[in-house]
Protein backbone atom coordinates (compact mmCIF):
# COMPACT_ATOMS: atom_id res chain seq x y z
CA MET A 1 -14.73 -16.64 2.72
CA VAL A 2 -14.54 -13.24 4.41
CA LEU A 3 -10.73 -13.34 4.24
CA LEU A 4 -10.84 -14.34 0.57
CA VAL A 5 -13.24 -11.58 -0.44
CA GLY A 6 -11.41 -9.04 1.71
CA ALA A 7 -8.12 -10.01 0.11
CA LEU A 8 -9.65 -9.69 -3.37
CA ALA A 9 -10.94 -6.23 -2.48
CA GLN A 10 -7.55 -5.26 -1.10
CA GLY A 11 -5.77 -6.52 -4.22
CA THR A 12 -8.17 -4.71 -6.54
CA ASN A 13 -7.71 -1.49 -4.62
CA ALA A 14 -3.93 -1.95 -4.85
CA ALA A 15 -4.24 -2.26 -8.62
CA VAL A 16 -5.02 1.46 -8.63
CA PHE A 17 -2.40 2.94 -6.32
CA LEU A 18 0.36 0.35 -6.94
CA GLY A 19 -0.56 -1.07 -10.36
CA LEU A 20 -1.03 2.20 -12.25
CA PRO A 21 2.71 3.04 -11.98
CA SER A 22 3.34 0.10 -14.33
CA ILE A 23 1.93 2.24 -17.16
CA SER A 24 3.58 5.48 -16.03
CA PRO A 25 5.46 5.87 -19.36
CA TYR A 26 2.14 5.61 -21.21
CA LEU A 27 0.46 8.00 -18.77
CA ARG A 28 3.22 10.52 -19.40
CA GLU A 29 2.78 10.18 -23.15
CA HIS A 30 -1.03 10.24 -23.05
CA PHE A 31 -1.31 13.28 -20.78
CA GLY A 32 1.97 15.02 -21.76
CA LEU A 33 3.46 14.98 -18.25
CA SER A 34 6.96 15.24 -16.78
CA LEU A 35 8.26 12.70 -14.27
CA PRO A 36 7.33 14.79 -11.18
CA GLN A 37 3.93 15.54 -12.75
CA VAL A 38 3.12 11.88 -13.31
CA GLY A 39 4.18 11.33 -9.70
CA LEU A 40 1.57 13.90 -8.64
CA LEU A 41 -1.06 12.19 -10.80
CA LEU A 42 -0.30 8.81 -9.26
CA GLY A 43 -0.22 10.35 -5.79
CA ALA A 44 -3.76 11.74 -6.14
CA ALA A 45 -5.33 8.39 -5.24
CA ASN A 46 -3.07 8.11 -2.22
CA LEU A 47 -4.03 11.60 -1.05
CA GLY A 48 -7.73 10.76 -1.25
CA THR A 49 -7.17 7.52 0.63
CA MET A 50 -5.20 9.25 3.38
CA LEU A 51 -7.95 11.77 4.05
CA ALA A 52 -10.71 9.14 4.28
CA LEU A 53 -9.08 6.30 6.23
CA VAL A 54 -9.94 7.32 9.78
CA PRO A 55 -13.57 8.27 8.95
CA TRP A 56 -14.10 4.96 7.10
CA GLY A 57 -12.53 3.08 10.02
CA ALA A 58 -14.83 4.78 12.51
CA VAL A 59 -17.87 3.93 10.36
CA ALA A 60 -16.72 0.30 10.12
CA ASP A 61 -16.49 0.15 13.92
CA ARG A 62 -20.11 1.32 14.13
CA ARG A 63 -21.74 -0.25 11.04
CA GLY A 64 -19.58 -3.23 10.11
CA GLU A 65 -17.41 -4.10 7.13
CA ARG A 66 -19.99 -5.11 4.52
CA LEU A 67 -21.68 -1.70 4.17
CA VAL A 68 -18.40 0.21 4.26
CA MET A 69 -16.58 -1.94 1.69
CA ALA A 70 -19.53 -2.22 -0.71
CA VAL A 71 -20.27 1.50 -0.79
CA GLY A 72 -16.59 2.31 -1.11
CA GLY A 73 -16.04 -0.22 -3.89
CA PHE A 74 -18.88 1.01 -6.07
CA GLY A 75 -17.83 4.62 -5.50
CA ALA A 76 -14.23 3.89 -6.48
CA ALA A 77 -15.39 2.09 -9.64
CA ALA A 78 -17.46 5.11 -10.67
CA CYS A 79 -14.49 7.46 -10.18
CA LEU A 80 -12.17 5.24 -12.23
CA ALA A 81 -14.71 5.16 -15.04
CA LEU A 82 -14.86 8.96 -14.89
CA ALA A 83 -11.07 9.16 -15.30
CA ALA A 84 -11.20 7.34 -18.66
CA PRO A 85 -12.37 10.20 -20.92
CA SER A 86 -10.72 13.00 -18.91
CA GLY A 87 -7.69 15.18 -19.35
CA ALA A 88 -4.81 15.19 -16.89
CA VAL A 89 -6.41 17.51 -14.32
CA LEU A 90 -9.81 15.80 -14.29
CA ALA A 91 -8.13 12.39 -14.25
CA GLY A 92 -6.24 13.50 -11.16
CA VAL A 93 -9.50 14.60 -9.52
CA ALA A 94 -11.11 11.27 -10.43
CA LEU A 95 -8.18 9.33 -8.97
CA PHE A 96 -8.47 11.45 -5.83
CA GLY A 97 -12.12 10.37 -5.64
CA ALA A 98 -11.16 6.75 -6.22
CA GLY A 99 -8.82 7.07 -3.26
CA LEU A 100 -11.53 8.57 -1.07
CA PHE A 101 -13.85 5.64 -1.75
CA GLY A 102 -11.15 2.98 -1.93
CA ALA A 103 -9.95 3.85 1.58
CA SER A 104 -12.97 1.92 2.86
CA VAL A 105 -11.28 -1.35 1.91
CA ASN A 106 -8.09 -0.62 3.82
CA ALA A 107 -9.85 0.07 7.12
CA ALA A 108 -12.70 -2.43 6.91
CA SER A 109 -10.97 -5.52 5.49
CA GLY A 110 -8.27 -5.26 8.16
CA ARG A 111 -10.94 -5.00 10.84
CA ALA A 112 -12.52 -8.18 9.46
CA VAL A 113 -9.25 -10.06 9.99
CA LEU A 114 -9.01 -8.76 13.55
CA THR A 115 -12.54 -9.92 14.40
CA TRP A 116 -12.49 -13.30 12.65
CA PHE A 117 -9.03 -14.64 13.64
CA PRO A 118 -7.46 -15.23 17.09
CA ARG A 119 -4.12 -13.62 17.95
CA GLU A 120 -2.06 -16.78 17.38
CA ARG A 121 -3.28 -17.02 13.74
CA ARG A 122 -3.78 -13.34 13.05
CA GLY A 123 -0.31 -12.66 11.66
CA LEU A 124 -0.71 -15.24 8.90
CA ALA A 125 -4.30 -14.16 8.18
CA MET A 126 -3.26 -10.52 7.91
CA GLY A 127 -0.32 -11.63 5.80
CA VAL A 128 -2.75 -13.27 3.38
CA ARG A 129 -4.82 -10.10 3.25
CA GLN A 130 -1.72 -7.92 2.79
CA THR A 131 -0.22 -10.28 0.22
CA ALA A 132 -3.13 -9.39 -2.01
CA VAL A 133 -1.67 -5.88 -2.30
CA PRO A 134 1.55 -6.75 -4.18
CA LEU A 135 -0.17 -9.60 -6.02
CA GLY A 136 -2.88 -7.23 -7.23
CA ALA A 137 -0.16 -4.83 -8.32
CA ALA A 138 1.75 -7.67 -9.99
CA VAL A 139 -1.26 -8.83 -12.01
CA THR A 140 -1.93 -5.25 -13.01
CA ALA A 141 1.71 -4.73 -14.00
CA ALA A 142 1.58 -7.86 -16.13
CA LEU A 143 -1.69 -7.02 -17.91
CA LEU A 144 -2.31 -3.28 -17.85
CA PRO A 145 0.62 -2.21 -20.10
CA ALA A 146 -0.73 -4.47 -22.86
CA VAL A 147 -4.16 -2.88 -22.46
CA ALA A 148 -2.66 0.61 -22.53
CA VAL A 149 -0.63 -0.16 -25.67
CA GLY A 150 -3.34 -2.07 -27.50
CA SER A 151 -6.42 -0.05 -26.57
CA GLY A 152 -5.19 3.14 -24.96
CA VAL A 153 -4.96 4.62 -21.47
CA PRO A 154 -8.75 5.34 -21.21
CA VAL A 155 -9.52 1.63 -21.67
CA ALA A 156 -6.97 0.80 -18.97
CA PHE A 157 -8.94 3.00 -16.56
CA LEU A 158 -12.19 1.30 -17.59
CA ALA A 159 -10.66 -2.13 -16.98
CA LEU A 160 -9.73 -1.10 -13.43
CA ALA A 161 -13.25 0.27 -12.92
CA GLY A 162 -14.86 -2.98 -14.04
CA ALA A 163 -12.70 -5.12 -11.76
CA THR A 164 -13.41 -2.84 -8.79
CA ALA A 165 -17.18 -2.98 -9.36
CA LEU A 166 -17.13 -6.78 -9.67
CA VAL A 167 -15.34 -7.19 -6.35
CA ALA A 168 -17.77 -4.74 -4.72
CA VAL A 169 -20.60 -7.09 -5.71
CA ALA A 170 -18.73 -10.00 -4.06
CA VAL A 171 -18.33 -7.93 -0.90
CA ALA A 172 -22.06 -7.18 -0.77
CA VAL A 173 -22.90 -10.88 -1.16
CA TRP A 174 -20.35 -12.67 1.05
CA VAL A 175 -18.77 -10.40 3.69
CA ARG A 176 -20.27 -10.66 7.18
CA GLU A 177 -19.20 -10.27 10.82
CA PRO A 178 -18.66 -13.12 13.33
CA PRO A 179 -21.22 -13.70 16.08
CA GLY A 180 -20.71 -11.52 19.14
CA VAL A 181 -18.50 -8.94 17.46
CA VAL A 182 -18.16 -5.69 19.43
CA ARG A 183 -19.83 -2.62 17.90
CA VAL A 184 -19.20 0.85 19.30
CA ALA A 185 -21.24 4.03 19.48
CA ARG A 186 -20.43 7.28 17.72
CA GLY A 187 -17.50 9.19 19.19
CA GLY A 188 -14.69 7.99 21.44
CA GLN A 189 -12.02 7.87 18.73
CA GLY A 190 -9.82 10.29 20.70
CA LEU A 191 -8.57 7.53 23.01
CA VAL A 192 -7.22 5.64 20.02
CA LEU A 193 -5.87 8.59 18.04
CA ALA A 194 -3.99 10.03 21.05
CA ASP A 195 -2.23 6.82 22.08
CA ARG A 196 1.54 7.40 21.94
CA ARG A 197 2.33 3.85 20.93
CA LEU A 198 0.00 4.07 17.95
CA LEU A 199 1.47 7.45 17.05
CA ARG A 200 5.00 6.02 17.15
CA LEU A 201 3.99 2.96 15.15
CA SER A 202 2.24 5.18 12.60
CA LEU A 203 5.35 7.37 12.27
CA ALA A 204 7.56 4.33 11.70
CA SER A 205 5.11 2.96 9.14
CA GLY A 206 5.10 6.27 7.29
CA LEU A 207 8.89 6.28 7.15
CA LEU A 208 8.96 2.71 5.81
CA VAL A 209 6.58 3.72 3.04
CA VAL A 210 9.31 5.93 1.53
CA PRO A 211 11.45 2.97 0.40
CA GLN A 212 8.32 0.99 -0.44
CA PHE A 213 6.96 3.65 -2.77
CA THR A 214 10.35 4.64 -4.13
CA ALA A 215 10.43 1.09 -5.43
CA GLY A 216 6.71 0.63 -6.01
CA ALA A 217 5.97 3.89 -7.83
CA LEU A 218 9.26 4.54 -9.61
CA LEU A 219 10.91 1.17 -10.23
CA VAL A 220 9.65 1.01 -13.83
CA GLU A 221 10.95 4.53 -14.48
CA LEU A 222 14.32 3.65 -12.95
CA LEU A 223 14.69 0.46 -14.99
CA HIS A 224 13.37 1.97 -18.23
CA GLY A 225 14.49 5.59 -18.11
CA HIS A 226 17.82 5.27 -16.29
CA LEU A 227 19.04 1.76 -17.04
CA GLY A 228 17.61 1.61 -20.58
CA ILE A 229 15.57 -1.55 -20.12
CA ALA A 230 12.56 -1.91 -22.44
CA ALA A 231 9.29 -0.67 -20.89
CA ALA A 232 7.58 -4.08 -21.17
CA THR A 233 10.57 -5.83 -19.58
CA ALA A 234 10.72 -3.22 -16.81
CA ALA A 235 7.01 -3.77 -16.09
CA ALA A 236 7.60 -7.54 -15.98
CA LEU A 237 10.46 -7.08 -13.47
CA PHE A 238 8.18 -4.83 -11.44
CA ALA A 239 5.61 -7.64 -11.42
CA VAL A 240 8.25 -10.11 -10.20
CA ALA A 241 9.19 -7.75 -7.37
CA GLN A 242 5.53 -7.51 -6.38
CA VAL A 243 5.15 -11.30 -6.30
CA LEU A 244 8.27 -11.62 -4.16
CA GLY A 245 6.92 -8.89 -1.89
CA GLY A 246 3.68 -10.84 -1.49
CA ALA A 247 5.60 -13.95 -0.50
CA GLY A 248 7.52 -11.82 1.97
CA ARG A 249 4.29 -10.64 3.59
CA LEU A 250 3.16 -14.22 4.11
CA ALA A 251 6.54 -15.18 5.55
CA ALA A 252 6.54 -12.15 7.85
CA GLY A 253 3.06 -13.03 9.12
CA ILE A 254 4.09 -16.62 9.93
CA TRP A 255 7.29 -15.33 11.56
CA SER A 256 5.34 -12.94 13.80
CA ASP A 257 2.87 -15.66 14.86
CA ARG A 258 5.74 -17.92 15.90
CA ALA A 259 7.58 -15.05 17.59
CA GLY A 260 4.43 -14.09 19.51
CA GLY A 261 4.65 -10.45 18.43
CA ARG A 262 4.88 -8.14 15.42
CA LEU A 263 7.46 -5.54 16.42
CA GLY A 264 10.57 -7.74 16.54
CA PRO A 265 10.18 -8.91 12.93
CA LEU A 266 9.23 -5.37 11.89
CA ARG A 267 12.45 -3.99 13.35
CA SER A 268 14.53 -6.62 11.56
CA ILE A 269 12.89 -5.93 8.21
CA GLY A 270 13.52 -2.20 8.66
CA VAL A 271 17.25 -2.86 9.04
CA ALA A 272 17.29 -5.16 5.99
CA VAL A 273 15.49 -2.57 3.85
CA ALA A 274 17.96 0.14 4.86
CA LEU A 275 20.94 -2.06 3.99
CA GLY A 276 19.35 -3.14 0.71
CA PHE A 277 18.74 0.38 -0.58
CA ALA A 278 22.18 1.54 0.53
CA GLY A 279 23.69 -1.35 -1.43
CA CYS A 280 21.60 -0.56 -4.52
CA ALA A 281 22.69 3.08 -4.35
CA ALA A 282 26.33 2.00 -4.30
CA LEU A 283 25.86 -0.35 -7.27
CA LEU A 284 23.57 1.76 -9.46
CA ASP A 285 26.10 3.62 -11.62
CA THR A 286 29.11 1.38 -11.07
CA ALA A 287 27.95 -2.22 -11.56
CA PRO A 288 26.70 -4.09 -14.65
CA ARG A 289 23.01 -3.69 -15.40
CA TRP A 290 22.18 -7.33 -14.57
CA LEU A 291 23.78 -6.99 -11.13
CA VAL A 292 21.85 -3.79 -10.40
CA CYS A 293 18.60 -5.58 -11.31
CA ALA A 294 19.58 -8.57 -9.18
CA ALA A 295 20.01 -6.24 -6.20
CA LEU A 296 16.96 -4.07 -6.88
CA LEU A 297 14.40 -6.88 -7.11
CA PRO A 298 14.90 -8.44 -3.65
CA THR A 299 15.35 -4.98 -2.11
CA ALA A 300 12.05 -3.82 -3.59
CA ALA A 301 10.40 -7.04 -2.39
CA LEU A 302 11.71 -6.49 1.16
CA ALA A 303 10.40 -2.91 1.06
CA MET A 304 6.93 -4.31 0.33
CA SER A 305 6.96 -7.12 2.91
CA TRP A 306 6.48 -5.30 6.23
CA ASN A 307 2.97 -3.85 5.94
CA GLY A 308 1.04 -6.75 7.44
CA LEU A 309 3.14 -6.62 10.60
CA ALA A 310 2.46 -2.92 11.15
CA VAL A 311 -1.26 -3.26 10.38
CA THR A 312 -1.66 -6.20 12.77
CA ALA A 313 0.29 -4.42 15.50
CA ALA A 314 -1.93 -1.35 15.13
CA GLY A 315 -5.11 -3.42 15.38
CA GLU A 316 -3.83 -5.27 18.44
CA LEU A 317 -3.04 -1.99 20.19
CA ALA A 318 -6.67 -0.88 19.85
CA PRO A 319 -9.30 -1.39 22.57
CA PRO A 320 -12.22 -3.73 21.75
CA GLY A 321 -14.37 -2.48 18.91
CA ARG A 322 -11.91 0.22 17.82
CA GLY A 323 -9.81 -1.79 15.38
CA GLY A 324 -11.12 0.06 12.34
CA THR A 325 -10.18 3.43 13.80
CA ALA A 326 -6.69 2.23 14.78
CA LEU A 327 -6.09 0.79 11.32
CA GLY A 328 -7.34 4.00 9.76
CA MET A 329 -4.87 5.99 11.82
CA GLN A 330 -1.92 3.76 10.98
CA ASN A 331 -2.82 3.66 7.30
CA SER A 332 -3.25 7.46 7.18
CA ALA A 333 0.45 7.88 7.93
CA ASN A 334 1.24 5.38 5.19
CA TYR A 335 -0.84 7.17 2.60
CA LEU A 336 0.42 10.61 3.57
CA THR A 337 3.94 9.41 2.82
CA ALA A 338 2.73 7.49 -0.24
CA THR A 339 1.28 10.74 -1.59
CA VAL A 340 4.50 12.68 -1.07
CA THR A 341 7.05 10.02 -2.02
CA PRO A 342 6.47 9.63 -5.81
CA PRO A 343 6.84 13.34 -6.66
CA LEU A 344 9.58 13.86 -4.06
CA ALA A 345 11.63 10.84 -5.12
CA GLY A 346 11.02 11.75 -8.76
CA TRP A 347 12.31 15.28 -8.14
CA VAL A 348 15.38 13.95 -6.29
CA ALA A 349 16.07 11.55 -9.16
CA MET A 350 15.85 14.34 -11.74
CA ALA A 351 17.69 17.02 -9.75
CA LEU A 352 20.36 14.97 -7.97
CA GLY A 353 20.31 11.56 -9.64
CA TRP A 354 18.73 8.18 -9.03
CA THR A 355 21.48 7.23 -6.59
CA TRP A 356 20.31 9.90 -4.17
CA ALA A 357 16.70 8.77 -4.49
CA LEU A 358 17.83 5.33 -3.29
CA VAL A 359 19.89 6.91 -0.51
CA LEU A 360 16.78 8.80 0.65
CA ALA A 361 14.93 5.47 0.87
CA ALA A 362 17.75 3.96 2.95
CA VAL A 363 17.82 6.92 5.33
CA CYS A 364 14.06 6.75 5.93
CA ALA A 365 14.20 3.00 6.64
CA THR A 366 16.98 3.67 9.16
CA ALA A 367 14.88 6.38 10.82
CA ALA A 368 11.96 3.95 11.06
CA ARG A 369 14.15 1.48 12.92
CA VAL A 370 15.14 4.20 15.38
CA VAL A 371 11.47 5.07 16.00
CA LEU A 372 10.74 1.38 16.63
CA ALA A 373 13.52 1.13 19.23
CA ARG A 374 12.87 -1.53 21.83
CA GLY A 375 11.64 -0.02 25.09
CA LYS A 376 10.02 2.95 23.36
CA LEU A 377 7.31 0.90 21.65
CA THR A 378 5.71 -2.13 23.29
CA GLU A 379 2.84 -4.37 22.26
CA GLY A 380 -0.53 -4.72 23.92
CA PRO A 381 -3.98 -3.12 23.81
CA VAL A 382 -4.62 0.54 24.55
CA ALA A 383 -5.96 1.00 28.06
CA GLY A 384 -9.52 2.22 28.31
């Protein structure tokens, strides 16, 4: 039950920072924004999340998941409701607030998986929790454009607010901790935040977010604006990529449980993502449109499939009772890059062309694989 509710909370939170890009053409029209500007708007939620992850993780280590996730969920819902009647600037501030509150889910729901499931089943359990992210984005991509077209962008924000509040109620009712879970006192986060293995893992995760968010935040714009595919069709293809990415997260979790570790599969996925984006860059302006789509969809899915491995590895590196802090640290790197990637990739696409935006994604995936080099990053808990 805890895993189910945590996954629902994770998926609802993802509807904001991964699902909103599905209506980016309508956001641009509603607010009168350019492509880099809509990237900044979408990145506001990621910026708020990045700043709040470690504090929320530390609170979860002290107070437990229920309080953290419930307070964060209701706060995020209020911010999304505030974005509905606002102009572009105030909507950006409201999305920033939604990110600040929504960060609670990322740190606390991952900690719940770490405390409820043993190591040999943790990869699959975390895969289930992480699969909720692309599935939440996929459902949003399938439904939110129709809401935006039929009722307007403000109603789309209100729909996200209602779903977030409903899941917050479920969290307050059903989430609990297992008997004997370790709670920690205030302070002591320095041991976790200074660990070189966690720092290296966080850096690699941040680099892998570049291809993930190049696909996740800008795929609809690439398909619609560059390839000339209808906006509704582009959103549907985006939803398919999210579903495939969710299946990939489950498969990666099972793979890591059978392999007895997370880093080997993570390294392999990094290589596959780099090759996939390099291939898409080569095909983009030379191949038929159907072939480009056939290459983009599995590449985007691969770029979304690695997160559960990195999250689980970060939690397993933490000392007892510090899982929330470790997950907050690892996720902070992700959200820092997630904040920067949409406007950066959008600028590269406008200034240099979409091919170079895909090349940038391939280069960052390659750099992540170098950071994860065997011998420089090993698995096991932080000493302390």
